């Protein structure tokens, strides 16, 4: 699927045993699950108090911020299903500690909520600075996940955003190497191929371990507070998955405007070595040229079933979370 030039033409749009790429992608999704991924909290706690969570170890990598010293807790006392990155800073005017929560396997709602309740009891008054909302679309195999990834590349619409890119080393797959394909929009939205958290190695997955496409929406503190999530206790009470994500992941096509490409035609792109044929980049470029692009964007109805399953998974998450006591 790396060669994209002819993939979306009218003549070549039907493949994979008689199905077009859009039909094929939807039919190969075996299940869709919404989940919380990484979460960051902060508070006024120093090393002796943080040792309640588990043994602090120096991290192998340099600190992400010059103002903080980074340690990790690989064996969390509250649960073996998480590890923690702990940032500590005793300077004035800074949060004294910041804790990033990372699942070590595919975590269900009950496991995550139980852990957060335990964490809130051990370190009360923690505040929330970041939540990553993830939707995993499981596929039959890695090839099916790759097709679905390219469908998102070709059709995804997230409203008004300024940047979209294939980040860093994820641009191309390396033979025998790790990492799948990834696509980012304005830092807060990411679509990428992945496998189970327990199979992750060195920041990526062997291609043979890829079994899904993940949609990830990172929501930072300012927006979380607007929706009533300031303290960890607020997040435990209601993560507001559906409110913050419903109808966010939509598919689009252009209509009527002559200077924009028809749906099945290639999109112009400055990067000729690795063209990203995505309407998002085309919409960004056209908007810069003062075209009113919004009125020429329509939902792509062939993919409405995928959208429906994604939105249904969000609602199922909120229902399950609410019913965990």
C-alpha atoms as a PDB file:
ATOM      1  CA  UNK A   1       0.000   0.000   0.000  1.00  0.00           C
ATOM      2  CA  UNK A   2       2.991   2.334  -0.053  1.00  0.00           C
ATOM      3  CA  UNK A   3       2.427   3.205  -3.728  1.00  0.00           C
ATOM      4  CA  UNK A   4      -0.515   5.584  -3.596  1.00  0.00           C
ATOM      5  CA  UNK A   5      -0.579   7.224  -7.045  1.00  0.00           C
ATOM      6  CA  UNK A   6      -3.083   4.909  -8.720  1.00  0.00           C
ATOM      7  CA  UNK A   7      -4.737   3.489  -5.665  1.00  0.00           C
ATOM      8  CA  UNK A   8      -7.705   5.823  -5.646  1.00  0.00           C
ATOM      9  CA  UNK A   9      -8.395   6.153  -9.381  1.00  0.00           C
ATOM     10  CA  UNK A  10     -11.827   5.195 -10.688  1.00  0.00           C
ATOM     11  CA  UNK A  11     -10.427   2.430 -12.830  1.00  0.00           C
ATOM     12  CA  UNK A  12      -8.343   0.891 -10.065  1.00  0.00           C
ATOM     13  CA  UNK A  13     -10.600   1.442  -7.109  1.00  0.00           C
ATOM     14  CA  UNK A  14     -11.937  -2.110  -6.927  1.00  0.00           C
ATOM     15  CA  UNK A  15      -9.541  -4.742  -5.655  1.00  0.00           C
ATOM     16  CA  UNK A  16      -9.198  -7.128  -2.710  1.00  0.00           C
ATOM     17  CA  UNK A  17     -11.582  -9.849  -3.970  1.00  0.00           C
ATOM     18  CA  UNK A  18     -14.046  -7.463  -5.592  1.00  0.00           C
ATOM     19  CA  UNK A  19     -14.194  -4.788  -2.918  1.00  0.00           C
ATOM     20  CA  UNK A  20     -12.940  -1.239  -3.211  1.00  0.00           C
ATOM     21  CA  UNK A  21     -10.477  -0.052  -0.535  1.00  0.00           C
ATOM     22  CA  UNK A  22     -13.243   1.624   1.464  1.00  0.00           C
ATOM     23  CA  UNK A  23     -15.527  -1.418   1.516  1.00  0.00           C
ATOM     24  CA  UNK A  24     -12.548  -3.644   2.218  1.00  0.00           C
ATOM     25  CA  UNK A  25     -11.348  -1.529   5.161  1.00  0.00           C
ATOM     26  CA  UNK A  26     -14.738  -1.524   6.853  1.00  0.00           C
ATOM     27  CA  UNK A  27     -15.334  -5.245   6.374  1.00  0.00           C
ATOM     28  CA  UNK A  28     -11.963  -6.151   7.885  1.00  0.00           C
ATOM     29  CA  UNK A  29     -12.609  -4.371  11.214  1.00  0.00           C
ATOM     30  CA  UNK A  30     -13.370  -7.125  13.717  1.00  0.00           C
ATOM     31  CA  UNK A  31     -14.152  -4.915  16.728  1.00  0.00           C
ATOM     32  CA  UNK A  32     -13.846  -1.331  17.943  1.00  0.00           C
ATOM     33  CA  UNK A  33     -12.922  -0.397  21.529  1.00  0.00           C
ATOM     34  CA  UNK A  34     -12.608   3.013  23.168  1.00  0.00           C
ATOM     35  CA  UNK A  35     -10.092   3.300  25.990  1.00  0.00           C
ATOM     36  CA  UNK A  36      -8.114   5.786  28.026  1.00  0.00           C
ATOM     37  CA  UNK A  37      -4.445   5.699  27.061  1.00  0.00           C
ATOM     38  CA  UNK A  38      -1.760   7.809  28.757  1.00  0.00           C
ATOM     39  CA  UNK A  39      -2.777  10.278  31.476  1.00  0.00           C
ATOM     40  CA  UNK A  40      -0.694  12.993  33.143  1.00  0.00           C
ATOM     41  CA  UNK A  41      -1.422  14.333  36.634  1.00  0.00           C
ATOM     42  CA  UNK A  42       0.452  16.747  38.898  1.00  0.00           C
ATOM     43  CA  UNK A  43       0.562  17.824  42.510  1.00  0.00           C
ATOM     44  CA  UNK A  44       2.705  18.920  45.441  1.00  0.00           C
ATOM     45  CA  UNK A  45       4.529  15.733  46.408  1.00  0.00           C
ATOM     46  CA  UNK A  46       8.241  15.039  46.801  1.00  0.00           C
ATOM     47  CA  UNK A  47      10.278  11.821  46.616  1.00  0.00           C
ATOM     48  CA  UNK A  48       9.445  10.332  50.047  1.00  0.00           C
ATOM     49  CA  UNK A  49       5.722  10.646  49.382  1.00  0.00           C
ATOM     50  CA  UNK A  50       6.030   9.366  45.814  1.00  0.00           C
ATOM     51  CA  UNK A  51       7.748   6.214  47.083  1.00  0.00           C
ATOM     52  CA  UNK A  52       4.292   5.147  48.282  1.00  0.00           C
ATOM     53  CA  UNK A  53       3.606   4.237  44.652  1.00  0.00           C
ATOM     54  CA  UNK A  54       6.678   2.040  44.224  1.00  0.00           C
ATOM     55  CA  UNK A  55      10.449   2.202  43.950  1.00  0.00           C
ATOM     56  CA  UNK A  56      11.757   5.242  42.075  1.00  0.00           C
ATOM     57  CA  UNK A  57      14.475   4.530  39.521  1.00  0.00           C
ATOM     58  CA  UNK A  58      16.541   6.918  37.424  1.00  0.00           C
ATOM     59  CA  UNK A  59      15.317   6.913  33.861  1.00  0.00           C
ATOM     60  CA  UNK A  60      17.707   5.819  31.133  1.00  0.00           C
ATOM     61  CA  UNK A  61      16.779   8.792  28.935  1.00  0.00           C
ATOM     62  CA  UNK A  62      17.529  12.473  29.633  1.00  0.00           C
ATOM     63  CA  UNK A  63      14.765  14.492  31.303  1.00  0.00           C
ATOM     64  CA  UNK A  64      12.188  15.869  28.887  1.00  0.00           C
ATOM     65  CA  UNK A  65      12.302  19.240  30.610  1.00  0.00           C
ATOM     66  CA  UNK A  66      15.347  21.088  31.974  1.00  0.00           C
ATOM     67  CA  UNK A  67      13.271  22.078  35.005  1.00  0.00           C
ATOM     68  CA  UNK A  68      12.402  18.533  36.069  1.00  0.00           C
ATOM     69  CA  UNK A  69      14.312  15.432  37.082  1.00  0.00           C
ATOM     70  CA  UNK A  70      12.809  12.303  35.565  1.00  0.00           C
ATOM     71  CA  UNK A  71      12.473   8.971  37.347  1.00  0.00           C
ATOM     72  CA  UNK A  72      10.283   5.952  36.629  1.00  0.00           C
ATOM     73  CA  UNK A  73       8.295   3.484  38.699  1.00  0.00           C
ATOM     74  CA  UNK A  74       8.304   0.250  36.767  1.00  0.00           C
ATOM     75  CA  UNK A  75       6.608  -1.847  39.454  1.00  0.00           C
ATOM     76  CA  UNK A  76       3.620   0.118  40.697  1.00  0.00           C
ATOM     77  CA  UNK A  77       2.342  -1.126  44.050  1.00  0.00           C
ATOM     78  CA  UNK A  78      -1.258  -0.470  43.104  1.00  0.00           C
ATOM     79  CA  UNK A  79      -1.198  -2.466  39.870  1.00  0.00           C
ATOM     80  CA  UNK A  80       1.282  -4.384  37.662  1.00  0.00           C
ATOM     81  CA  UNK A  81      -0.655  -3.150  34.608  1.00  0.00           C
ATOM     82  CA  UNK A  82       0.945   0.321  34.585  1.00  0.00           C
ATOM     83  CA  UNK A  83       4.303   2.007  34.829  1.00  0.00           C
ATOM     84  CA  UNK A  84       4.800   5.635  35.825  1.00  0.00           C
ATOM     85  CA  UNK A  85       7.103   8.391  34.599  1.00  0.00           C
ATOM     86  CA  UNK A  86       7.708  10.755  37.523  1.00  0.00           C
ATOM     87  CA  UNK A  87       8.964  14.314  37.075  1.00  0.00           C
ATOM     88  CA  UNK A  88       9.992  16.208  40.215  1.00  0.00           C
ATOM     89  CA  UNK A  89      10.912  19.895  40.548  1.00  0.00           C
ATOM     90  CA  UNK A  90      11.344  21.749  43.812  1.00  0.00           C
ATOM     91  CA  UNK A  91      11.683  25.223  42.250  1.00  0.00           C
ATOM     92  CA  UNK A  92       9.131  27.838  43.111  1.00  0.00           C
ATOM     93  CA  UNK A  93       6.284  28.550  40.698  1.00  0.00           C
ATOM     94  CA  UNK A  94       6.422  25.054  39.169  1.00  0.00           C
ATOM     95  CA  UNK A  95       4.191  22.062  39.918  1.00  0.00           C
ATOM     96  CA  UNK A  96       6.299  20.060  42.355  1.00  0.00           C
ATOM     97  CA  UNK A  97       5.711  16.726  40.630  1.00  0.00           C
ATOM     98  CA  UNK A  98       4.165  15.448  37.433  1.00  0.00           C
ATOM     99  CA  UNK A  99       3.218  11.795  36.916  1.00  0.00           C
ATOM    100  CA  UNK A 100       2.542  10.177  33.557  1.00  0.00           C
ATOM    101  CA  UNK A 101       0.499   6.968  33.670  1.00  0.00           C
ATOM    102  CA  UNK A 102       1.288   4.400  30.964  1.00  0.00           C
ATOM    103  CA  UNK A 103      -0.640   1.131  30.534  1.00  0.00           C
ATOM    104  CA  UNK A 104       1.611  -1.897  30.007  1.00  0.00           C
ATOM    105  CA  UNK A 105      -1.116  -3.913  28.268  1.00  0.00           C
ATOM    106  CA  UNK A 106      -4.559  -3.367  26.763  1.00  0.00           C
ATOM    107  CA  UNK A 107      -6.412  -2.052  29.808  1.00  0.00           C
ATOM    108  CA  UNK A 108     -10.168  -2.391  30.227  1.00  0.00           C
ATOM    109  CA  UNK A 109     -12.246   0.319  31.889  1.00  0.00           C
ATOM    110  CA  UNK A 110     -12.569  -1.473  35.221  1.00  0.00           C
ATOM    111  CA  UNK A 111      -8.804  -1.954  35.570  1.00  0.00           C
ATOM    112  CA  UNK A 112      -8.067   1.672  34.732  1.00  0.00           C
ATOM    113  CA  UNK A 113     -10.759   3.113  36.984  1.00  0.00           C
ATOM    114  CA  UNK A 114      -9.718   0.894  39.901  1.00  0.00           C
ATOM    115  CA  UNK A 115      -6.108   2.041  39.524  1.00  0.00           C
ATOM    116  CA  UNK A 116      -7.052   5.722  39.367  1.00  0.00           C
ATOM    117  CA  UNK A 117      -9.176   5.359  42.505  1.00  0.00           C
ATOM    118  CA  UNK A 118      -6.200   3.755  44.282  1.00  0.00           C
ATOM    119  CA  UNK A 119      -3.852   6.509  43.068  1.00  0.00           C
ATOM    120  CA  UNK A 120      -6.250   9.192  44.245  1.00  0.00           C
ATOM    121  CA  UNK A 121      -6.365   7.585  47.696  1.00  0.00           C
ATOM    122  CA  UNK A 122      -2.571   7.343  47.989  1.00  0.00           C
ATOM    123  CA  UNK A 123      -1.954  10.886  46.668  1.00  0.00           C
ATOM    124  CA  UNK A 124      -5.126  12.924  47.169  1.00  0.00           C
ATOM    125  CA  UNK A 125      -5.619  16.296  45.475  1.00  0.00           C
ATOM    126  CA  UNK A 126      -3.815  15.369  42.260  1.00  0.00           C
ATOM    127  CA  UNK A 127      -4.760  17.562  39.310  1.00  0.00           C
ATOM    128  CA  UNK A 128      -5.125  16.422  35.683  1.00  0.00           C
ATOM    129  CA  UNK A 129      -3.004  18.029  32.949  1.00  0.00           C
ATOM    130  CA  UNK A 130      -3.498  15.624  30.008  1.00  0.00           C
ATOM    131  CA  UNK A 131      -5.742  12.759  28.951  1.00  0.00           C
ATOM    132  CA  UNK A 132      -5.313  10.683  25.792  1.00  0.00           C
ATOM    133  CA  UNK A 133      -8.584   9.261  24.481  1.00  0.00           C
ATOM    134  CA  UNK A 134      -7.972   6.300  22.170  1.00  0.00           C
ATOM    135  CA  UNK A 135     -10.195   4.261  19.876  1.00  0.00           C
ATOM    136  CA  UNK A 136      -8.754   0.949  18.686  1.00  0.00           C
ATOM    137  CA  UNK A 137     -10.131  -0.546  15.472  1.00  0.00           C
ATOM    138  CA  UNK A 138      -8.981  -4.160  15.428  1.00  0.00           C
ATOM    139  CA  UNK A 139      -8.393  -5.722  12.012  1.00  0.00           C
ATOM    140  CA  UNK A 140      -7.995  -9.261  10.751  1.00  0.00           C
ATOM    141  CA  UNK A 141      -4.269  -8.812  10.103  1.00  0.00           C
ATOM    142  CA  UNK A 142      -1.556  -6.247   9.514  1.00  0.00           C
ATOM    143  CA  UNK A 143      -2.435  -5.887   5.813  1.00  0.00           C
ATOM    144  CA  UNK A 144      -6.026  -5.024   6.697  1.00  0.00           C
ATOM    145  CA  UNK A 145      -4.825  -2.469   9.257  1.00  0.00           C
ATOM    146  CA  UNK A 146      -2.632  -0.858   6.614  1.00  0.00           C
ATOM    147  CA  UNK A 147      -5.546  -0.484   4.214  1.00  0.00           C
ATOM    148  CA  UNK A 148      -7.638   1.104   6.980  1.00  0.00           C
ATOM    149  CA  UNK A 149      -4.788   3.476   7.827  1.00  0.00           C
ATOM    150  CA  UNK A 150      -4.628   4.701   4.225  1.00  0.00           C
ATOM    151  CA  UNK A 151      -8.393   5.163   4.138  1.00  0.00           C
ATOM    152  CA  UNK A 152      -8.028   7.506   7.121  1.00  0.00           C
ATOM    153  CA  UNK A 153      -5.173   9.308   5.401  1.00  0.00           C
ATOM    154  CA  UNK A 154      -7.243   9.763   2.258  1.00  0.00           C
ATOM    155  CA  UNK A 155     -10.561  10.739   3.844  1.00  0.00           C
ATOM    156  CA  UNK A 156     -10.155  11.995   7.423  1.00  0.00           C
ATOM    157  CA  UNK A 157     -11.596  15.416   8.223  1.00  0.00           C
ATOM    158  CA  UNK A 158     -11.147  17.094  11.618  1.00  0.00           C
ATOM    159  CA  UNK A 159     -12.409  20.578  10.917  1.00  0.00           C
ATOM    160  CA  UNK A 160     -10.128  23.579  11.134  1.00  0.00           C
ATOM    161  CA  UNK A 161      -6.498  22.653  11.738  1.00  0.00           C
ATOM    162  CA  UNK A 162      -3.236  24.176  10.532  1.00  0.00           C
ATOM    163  CA  UNK A 163      -0.823  21.238  10.229  1.00  0.00           C
ATOM    164  CA  UNK A 164      -0.824  17.607   9.170  1.00  0.00           C
ATOM    165  CA  UNK A 165       2.200  15.367   8.717  1.00  0.00           C
ATOM    166  CA  UNK A 166       3.706  11.904   8.789  1.00  0.00           C
ATOM    167  CA  UNK A 167       6.003  12.281  11.819  1.00  0.00           C
ATOM    168  CA  UNK A 168       9.684  11.426  11.827  1.00  0.00           C
ATOM    169  CA  UNK A 169      10.765   7.839  11.451  1.00  0.00           C
ATOM    170  CA  UNK A 170       7.175   6.625  11.111  1.00  0.00           C
ATOM    171  CA  UNK A 171       7.017   7.846   7.514  1.00  0.00           C
ATOM    172  CA  UNK A 172       8.266   4.589   6.039  1.00  0.00           C
ATOM    173  CA  UNK A 173       8.310   1.048   7.339  1.00  0.00           C
ATOM    174  CA  UNK A 174      11.705  -0.534   7.676  1.00  0.00           C
ATOM    175  CA  UNK A 175      12.171  -4.153   6.695  1.00  0.00           C
ATOM    176  CA  UNK A 176      12.425  -6.252   9.827  1.00  0.00           C
ATOM    177  CA  UNK A 177      12.160  -3.122  11.946  1.00  0.00           C
ATOM    178  CA  UNK A 178       9.664  -1.648  14.354  1.00  0.00           C
ATOM    179  CA  UNK A 179       7.018   1.056  14.001  1.00  0.00           C
ATOM    180  CA  UNK A 180       3.979   1.229  11.806  1.00  0.00           C
ATOM    181  CA  UNK A 181       2.648   4.145   9.810  1.00  0.00           C
ATOM    182  CA  UNK A 182       1.466   7.233  11.664  1.00  0.00           C
ATOM    183  CA  UNK A 183      -0.304  10.450  10.713  1.00  0.00           C
ATOM    184  CA  UNK A 184      -0.571  13.523  12.964  1.00  0.00           C
ATOM    185  CA  UNK A 185      -2.863  16.545  12.781  1.00  0.00           C
ATOM    186  CA  UNK A 186      -1.922  19.554  14.916  1.00  0.00           C
ATOM    187  CA  UNK A 187      -0.181  17.512  17.661  1.00  0.00           C
ATOM    188  CA  UNK A 188      -3.450  16.646  19.396  1.00  0.00           C
ATOM    189  CA  UNK A 189      -4.758  14.076  16.907  1.00  0.00           C
ATOM    190  CA  UNK A 190      -2.956  10.996  15.699  1.00  0.00           C
ATOM    191  CA  UNK A 191      -3.876   7.986  13.571  1.00  0.00           C
ATOM    192  CA  UNK A 192      -1.430   5.108  13.627  1.00  0.00           C
ATOM    193  CA  UNK A 193      -0.956   1.376  13.167  1.00  0.00           C
ATOM    194  CA  UNK A 194      -0.153  -0.471  16.365  1.00  0.00           C
ATOM    195  CA  UNK A 195      -0.449  -3.703  18.316  1.00  0.00           C
ATOM    196  CA  UNK A 196      -1.103  -4.566  21.938  1.00  0.00           C
ATOM    197  CA  UNK A 197       0.669  -2.503  24.592  1.00  0.00           C
ATOM    198  CA  UNK A 198       2.366  -5.643  25.911  1.00  0.00           C
ATOM    199  CA  UNK A 199       4.000  -6.161  22.490  1.00  0.00           C
ATOM    200  CA  UNK A 200       5.431  -2.651  22.249  1.00  0.00           C
ATOM    201  CA  UNK A 201       9.229  -2.408  22.029  1.00  0.00           C
ATOM    202  CA  UNK A 202      11.418   0.694  21.838  1.00  0.00           C
ATOM    203  CA  UNK A 203       8.483   2.938  21.043  1.00  0.00           C
ATOM    204  CA  UNK A 204       7.016   0.773  18.291  1.00  0.00           C
ATOM    205  CA  UNK A 205       5.779  -2.624  17.169  1.00  0.00           C
ATOM    206  CA  UNK A 206       7.176  -5.307  14.913  1.00  0.00           C
ATOM    207  CA  UNK A 207       5.071  -5.376  11.771  1.00  0.00           C
ATOM    208  CA  UNK A 208       3.912  -8.905  12.588  1.00  0.00           C
ATOM    209  CA  UNK A 209       2.419  -7.601  15.876  1.00  0.00           C
ATOM    210  CA  UNK A 210       0.317  -4.853  14.263  1.00  0.00           C
ATOM    211  CA  UNK A 211      -3.376  -5.741  14.497  1.00  0.00           C
ATOM    212  CA  UNK A 212      -5.242  -2.417  14.676  1.00  0.00           C
ATOM    213  CA  UNK A 213      -5.469   1.249  13.753  1.00  0.00           C
ATOM    214  CA  UNK A 214      -5.660   3.618  16.717  1.00  0.00           C
ATOM    215  CA  UNK A 215      -7.290   7.046  16.736  1.00  0.00           C
ATOM    216  CA  UNK A 216      -5.847   9.150  19.554  1.00  0.00           C
ATOM    217  CA  UNK A 217      -7.085  12.529  20.761  1.00  0.00           C
ATOM    218  CA  UNK A 218      -4.937  14.311  23.325  1.00  0.00           C
ATOM    219  CA  UNK A 219      -6.847  16.805  25.459  1.00  0.00           C
ATOM    220  CA  UNK A 220      -4.841  19.235  27.599  1.00  0.00           C
ATOM    221  CA  UNK A 221      -5.742  20.876  30.879  1.00  0.00           C
ATOM    222  CA  UNK A 222      -7.387  24.066  29.605  1.00  0.00           C
ATOM    223  CA  UNK A 223      -9.978  22.167  27.587  1.00  0.00           C
ATOM    224  CA  UNK A 224     -10.435  19.497  30.265  1.00  0.00           C
ATOM    225  CA  UNK A 225     -11.279  22.216  32.789  1.00  0.00           C
ATOM    226  CA  UNK A 226     -13.866  23.627  30.394  1.00  0.00           C
ATOM    227  CA  UNK A 227     -15.599  20.246  30.602  1.00  0.00           C
ATOM    228  CA  UNK A 228     -15.375  19.932  34.369  1.00  0.00           C
ATOM    229  CA  UNK A 229     -12.209  17.806  34.650  1.00  0.00           C
ATOM    230  CA  UNK A 230      -9.693  19.616  36.874  1.00  0.00           C
ATOM    231  CA  UNK A 231      -8.885  17.099  39.614  1.00  0.00           C
ATOM    232  CA  UNK A 232      -8.158  13.411  39.282  1.00  0.00           C
ATOM    233  CA  UNK A 233     -11.352  12.844  41.255  1.00  0.00           C
ATOM    234  CA  UNK A 234     -13.275  14.612  38.452  1.00  0.00           C
ATOM    235  CA  UNK A 235     -11.784  12.290  35.850  1.00  0.00           C
ATOM    236  CA  UNK A 236     -12.647   9.244  37.948  1.00  0.00           C
ATOM    237  CA  UNK A 237     -16.217  10.421  38.273  1.00  0.00           C
ATOM    238  CA  UNK A 238     -16.671  11.064  34.542  1.00  0.00           C
ATOM    239  CA  UNK A 239     -13.959  10.983  31.835  1.00  0.00           C
ATOM    240  CA  UNK A 240     -16.463  12.561  29.386  1.00  0.00           C
ATOM    241  CA  UNK A 241     -15.246  10.402  26.518  1.00  0.00           C
ATOM    242  CA  UNK A 242     -18.325  10.879  24.360  1.00  0.00           C
ATOM    243  CA  UNK A 243     -18.692  14.602  25.053  1.00  0.00           C
ATOM    244  CA  UNK A 244     -15.091  15.302  24.032  1.00  0.00           C
ATOM    245  CA  UNK A 245     -14.923  12.929  21.056  1.00  0.00           C
ATOM    246  CA  UNK A 246     -18.351  12.261  19.504  1.00  0.00           C
ATOM    247  CA  UNK A 247     -18.342  12.897  15.717  1.00  0.00           C
ATOM    248  CA  UNK A 248     -14.739  14.093  15.915  1.00  0.00           C
ATOM    249  CA  UNK A 249     -13.391  11.442  13.535  1.00  0.00           C
ATOM    250  CA  UNK A 250     -15.262  12.083  10.278  1.00  0.00           C
ATOM    251  CA  UNK A 251     -14.587  11.300   6.619  1.00  0.00           C
ATOM    252  CA  UNK A 252     -14.797  13.927   3.906  1.00  0.00           C
ATOM    253  CA  UNK A 253     -14.751  14.608   0.196  1.00  0.00           C
ATOM    254  CA  UNK A 254     -14.699  17.808  -1.848  1.00  0.00           C
ATOM    255  CA  UNK A 255     -17.700  18.886  -3.923  1.00  0.00           C
ATOM    256  CA  UNK A 256     -18.314  21.427  -6.722  1.00  0.00           C
ATOM    257  CA  UNK A 257     -15.153  23.504  -6.474  1.00  0.00           C
ATOM    258  CA  UNK A 258     -13.225  23.143  -9.741  1.00  0.00           C
ATOM    259  CA  UNK A 259      -9.798  24.022  -8.371  1.00  0.00           C
ATOM    260  CA  UNK A 260     -10.003  21.229  -5.766  1.00  0.00           C
ATOM    261  CA  UNK A 261      -9.390  17.635  -6.903  1.00  0.00           C
ATOM    262  CA  UNK A 262     -12.268  15.217  -7.303  1.00  0.00           C
ATOM    263  CA  UNK A 263     -12.393  12.488  -4.709  1.00  0.00           C
ATOM    264  CA  UNK A 264     -10.655   9.803  -6.781  1.00  0.00           C
ATOM    265  CA  UNK A 265      -7.912  12.055  -8.203  1.00  0.00           C
ATOM    266  CA  UNK A 266      -4.404  12.516  -6.743  1.00  0.00           C
ATOM    267  CA  UNK A 267      -3.835  15.567  -4.546  1.00  0.00           C
ATOM    268  CA  UNK A 268      -0.895  17.860  -5.320  1.00  0.00           C
ATOM    269  CA  UNK A 269       1.833  17.807  -2.732  1.00  0.00           C
ATOM    270  CA  UNK A 270       5.194  19.487  -2.408  1.00  0.00           C
ATOM    271  CA  UNK A 271       6.830  16.297  -1.155  1.00  0.00           C
ATOM    272  CA  UNK A 272       7.321  14.344  -4.371  1.00  0.00           C
ATOM    273  CA  UNK A 273       9.439  11.679  -2.675  1.00  0.00           C
ATOM    274  CA  UNK A 274       6.651  10.647  -0.340  1.00  0.00           C
ATOM    275  CA  UNK A 275       3.403  12.390  -1.333  1.00  0.00           C
ATOM    276  CA  UNK A 276       0.684  12.524   1.284  1.00  0.00           C
ATOM    277  CA  UNK A 277      -2.528  12.341  -0.721  1.00  0.00           C
ATOM    278  CA  UNK A 278      -4.782  13.722   1.968  1.00  0.00           C
ATOM    279  CA  UNK A 279      -7.633  16.233   1.625  1.00  0.00           C
ATOM    280  CA  UNK A 280      -6.634  17.707   4.970  1.00  0.00           C
ATOM    281  CA  UNK A 281      -3.416  19.082   3.466  1.00  0.00           C
ATOM    282  CA  UNK A 282      -5.289  20.237   0.389  1.00  0.00           C
ATOM    283  CA  UNK A 283      -7.861  22.047   2.554  1.00  0.00           C
ATOM    284  CA  UNK A 284      -5.072  23.713   4.552  1.00  0.00           C
ATOM    285  CA  UNK A 285      -3.331  24.840   1.348  1.00  0.00           C
ATOM    286  CA  UNK A 286      -6.544  26.142  -0.211  1.00  0.00           C
ATOM    287  CA  UNK A 287      -7.516  28.004   2.956  1.00  0.00           C
ATOM    288  CA  UNK A 288      -4.182  29.813   2.881  1.00  0.00           C
ATOM    289  CA  UNK A 289      -5.095  31.025  -0.613  1.00  0.00           C
ATOM    290  CA  UNK A 290      -8.306  32.550   0.813  1.00  0.00           C
ATOM    291  CA  UNK A 291     -10.707  29.989  -0.613  1.00  0.00           C
ATOM    292  CA  UNK A 292     -13.788  29.222   1.417  1.00  0.00           C
ATOM    293  CA  UNK A 293     -13.157  25.487   1.553  1.00  0.00           C
ATOM    294  CA  UNK A 294     -15.696  24.587   4.244  1.00  0.00           C
ATOM    295  CA  UNK A 295     -18.748  24.943   2.015  1.00  0.00           C
ATOM    296  CA  UNK A 296     -17.294  22.448  -0.471  1.00  0.00           C
ATOM    297  CA  UNK A 297     -16.661  19.679   2.047  1.00  0.00           C
ATOM    298  CA  UNK A 298     -19.183  16.867   2.355  1.00  0.00           C
ATOM    299  CA  UNK A 299     -19.299  13.710   4.435  1.00  0.00           C
ATOM    300  CA  UNK A 300     -18.219  10.594   2.560  1.00  0.00           C
ATOM    301  CA  UNK A 301     -21.246   8.348   2.924  1.00  0.00           C
ATOM    302  CA  UNK A 302     -19.521   5.084   1.985  1.00  0.00           C
ATOM    303  CA  UNK A 303     -17.627   5.242   5.270  1.00  0.00           C
ATOM    304  CA  UNK A 304     -20.526   6.164   7.530  1.00  0.00           C
ATOM    305  CA  UNK A 305     -20.550   2.624   8.958  1.00  0.00           C
ATOM    306  CA  UNK A 306     -16.983   3.046  10.244  1.00  0.00           C
ATOM    307  CA  UNK A 307     -17.927   6.395  11.809  1.00  0.00           C
ATOM    308  CA  UNK A 308     -20.964   4.793  13.433  1.00  0.00           C
ATOM    309  CA  UNK A 309     -18.884   2.030  15.039  1.00  0.00           C
ATOM    310  CA  UNK A 310     -16.328   4.543  16.338  1.00  0.00           C
ATOM    311  CA  UNK A 311     -19.035   6.713  17.918  1.00  0.00           C
ATOM    312  CA  UNK A 312     -20.806   3.661  19.340  1.00  0.00           C
ATOM    313  CA  UNK A 313     -17.565   2.574  21.056  1.00  0.00           C
ATOM    314  CA  UNK A 314     -17.313   5.945  22.828  1.00  0.00           C
ATOM    315  CA  UNK A 315     -20.825   5.638  24.223  1.00  0.00           C
ATOM    316  CA  UNK A 316     -20.129   2.053  25.312  1.00  0.00           C
ATOM    317  CA  UNK A 317     -17.025   3.231  27.172  1.00  0.00           C
ATOM    318  CA  UNK A 318     -18.957   5.879  29.119  1.00  0.00           C
ATOM    319  CA  UNK A 319     -21.696   3.394  30.002  1.00  0.00           C
ATOM    320  CA  UNK A 320     -19.172   0.808  31.228  1.00  0.00           C
ATOM    321  CA  UNK A 321     -17.224   3.412  33.221  1.00  0.00           C
ATOM    322  CA  UNK A 322     -20.376   4.708  34.908  1.00  0.00           C
ATOM    323  CA  UNK A 323     -21.394   1.182  35.961  1.00  0.00           C
ATOM    324  CA  UNK A 324     -18.040   0.340  37.586  1.00  0.00           C
ATOM    325  CA  UNK A 325     -18.388   0.736  41.352  1.00  0.00           C
END
